[in-house]
Protein backbone atom coordinates (compact mmCIF):
# COMPACT_ATOMS: atom_id res chain seq x y z
CA UNK A 1 -115.39 27.00 127.20
CA UNK A 2 -117.79 24.37 126.94
CA UNK A 3 -119.12 25.74 123.76
CA UNK A 4 -116.22 23.83 121.66
CA UNK A 5 -118.75 21.12 120.55
CA UNK A 6 -121.65 23.20 118.95
CA UNK A 7 -118.78 25.32 116.98
CA UNK A 8 -119.38 24.98 113.41
CA UNK A 9 -116.50 27.33 111.66
CA UNK A 10 -113.07 26.49 112.21
CA UNK A 11 -110.55 28.62 114.24
CA UNK A 12 -107.41 29.06 115.51
CA UNK A 13 -106.15 29.72 119.06
CA UNK A 14 -104.76 33.35 119.63
CA UNK A 15 -103.15 35.58 122.89
CA UNK A 16 -103.13 39.14 121.28
CA UNK A 17 -104.26 42.24 122.18
CA UNK A 18 -106.79 43.99 120.17
CA UNK A 19 -108.34 47.74 119.77
CA UNK A 20 -111.57 47.38 120.43
CA UNK A 21 -114.23 50.79 120.34
CA UNK A 22 -117.61 50.88 121.55
CA UNK A 23 -119.78 53.74 121.82
CA UNK A 24 -116.54 56.28 121.52
CA UNK A 25 -114.63 54.11 124.58
CA UNK A 26 -111.32 52.57 123.55
CA UNK A 27 -110.33 48.98 125.42
CA UNK A 28 -107.69 46.57 124.51
CA UNK A 29 -109.04 43.59 125.34
CA UNK A 30 -107.43 39.81 124.60
CA UNK A 31 -108.19 37.56 121.78
CA UNK A 32 -108.04 34.37 122.82
CA UNK A 33 -109.68 32.98 119.35
CA UNK A 34 -110.97 34.09 116.14
CA UNK A 35 -112.92 32.35 113.27
CA UNK A 36 -114.48 33.92 110.18
CA UNK A 37 -117.60 34.43 111.78
CA UNK A 38 -116.46 35.99 114.95
CA UNK A 39 -113.98 36.38 118.26
CA UNK A 40 -113.85 35.26 121.66
CA UNK A 41 -112.14 38.11 124.16
CA UNK A 42 -111.51 38.28 127.50
CA UNK A 43 -110.91 41.68 129.84
CA UNK A 44 -110.74 42.16 133.45
CA UNK A 45 -113.89 41.84 135.20
CA UNK A 46 -113.73 45.07 136.83
CA UNK A 47 -113.64 46.63 132.77
CA UNK A 48 -117.25 47.44 132.40
CA UNK A 49 -118.48 48.05 128.85
CA UNK A 50 -121.25 49.56 127.72
CA UNK A 51 -123.93 47.30 127.20
CA UNK A 52 -125.72 47.09 123.68
CA UNK A 53 -123.31 48.77 121.46
CA UNK A 54 -121.62 47.27 118.58
CA UNK A 55 -117.91 47.32 118.88
CA UNK A 56 -115.24 48.37 116.08
CA UNK A 57 -112.02 45.86 116.47
CA UNK A 58 -108.84 46.39 114.97
CA UNK A 59 -106.52 42.85 114.82
CA UNK A 60 -103.32 42.68 114.28
CA UNK A 61 -103.06 39.07 113.28
CA UNK A 62 -99.12 37.47 112.95
CA UNK A 63 -98.31 36.69 109.64
CA UNK A 64 -101.21 39.04 107.60
CA UNK A 65 -99.63 42.20 106.05
CA UNK A 66 -102.67 44.45 107.00
CA UNK A 67 -105.09 45.25 109.98
CA UNK A 68 -108.25 43.69 109.91
CA UNK A 69 -110.78 45.95 110.42
CA UNK A 70 -114.67 44.90 111.81
CA UNK A 71 -118.02 45.76 113.42
CA UNK A 72 -118.91 43.02 116.16
CA UNK A 73 -121.98 41.97 118.35
CA UNK A 74 -122.00 40.66 121.63
CA UNK A 75 -123.40 37.53 121.72
CA UNK A 76 -122.76 36.71 125.12
CA UNK A 77 -120.69 37.31 128.10
CA UNK A 78 -119.35 35.00 130.86
CA UNK A 79 -117.16 35.47 134.18
CA UNK A 80 -113.88 33.95 134.03
CA UNK A 81 -113.00 34.43 137.73
CA UNK A 82 -110.69 37.66 137.33
CA UNK A 83 -111.82 37.77 134.05
CA UNK A 84 -114.63 38.22 131.50
CA UNK A 85 -115.03 36.21 127.98
CA UNK A 86 -117.31 37.68 125.32
CA UNK A 87 -117.71 35.98 122.42
CA UNK A 88 -118.56 38.52 119.01
CA UNK A 89 -120.15 37.93 115.72
CA UNK A 90 -118.86 39.76 112.49
CA UNK A 91 -121.63 42.07 111.42
CA UNK A 92 -119.34 43.84 108.77
CA UNK A 93 -116.50 43.30 107.45
CA UNK A 94 -114.82 43.24 104.06
CA UNK A 95 -114.49 40.25 102.28
CA UNK A 96 -110.79 40.87 101.99
CA UNK A 97 -110.44 40.96 105.46
CA UNK A 98 -112.53 37.54 105.79
CA UNK A 99 -109.97 36.12 103.51
CA UNK A 100 -107.17 37.52 105.54
CA UNK A 101 -108.72 35.67 108.59
CA UNK A 102 -109.17 32.46 106.61
CA UNK A 103 -105.69 32.34 105.64
CA UNK A 104 -104.48 32.90 109.53
CA UNK A 105 -106.79 29.93 110.42
CA UNK A 106 -105.78 27.46 107.99
CA UNK A 107 -101.89 28.28 109.36
CA UNK A 108 -102.98 28.40 113.06
CA UNK A 109 -105.97 26.03 113.46
CA UNK A 110 -107.36 24.91 116.90
CA UNK A 111 -107.25 21.86 117.52
């Protein structure tokens, strides 16, 4: 991704499936990186998601005992060959879940 120099928050690279619910539909995208402010996910290009809806994500991070739950808003989408990438910002997340993400990032920070 060409946005790495614009990023203001530390992040960790991952290769985890997350559950995402948008407008009553369920998806299992790949979480490729996470920060305290949001996530970047990838899914097959043919899997079109409803536009204009916030999504609810449930993330199980290795080494973190409880699931992280958050409501996200899509910032941008980009085609990555067969896959589609999507940057998402957390718009509703508990302080506890944000702290869990912070802890995960401190132990798995991207270089």
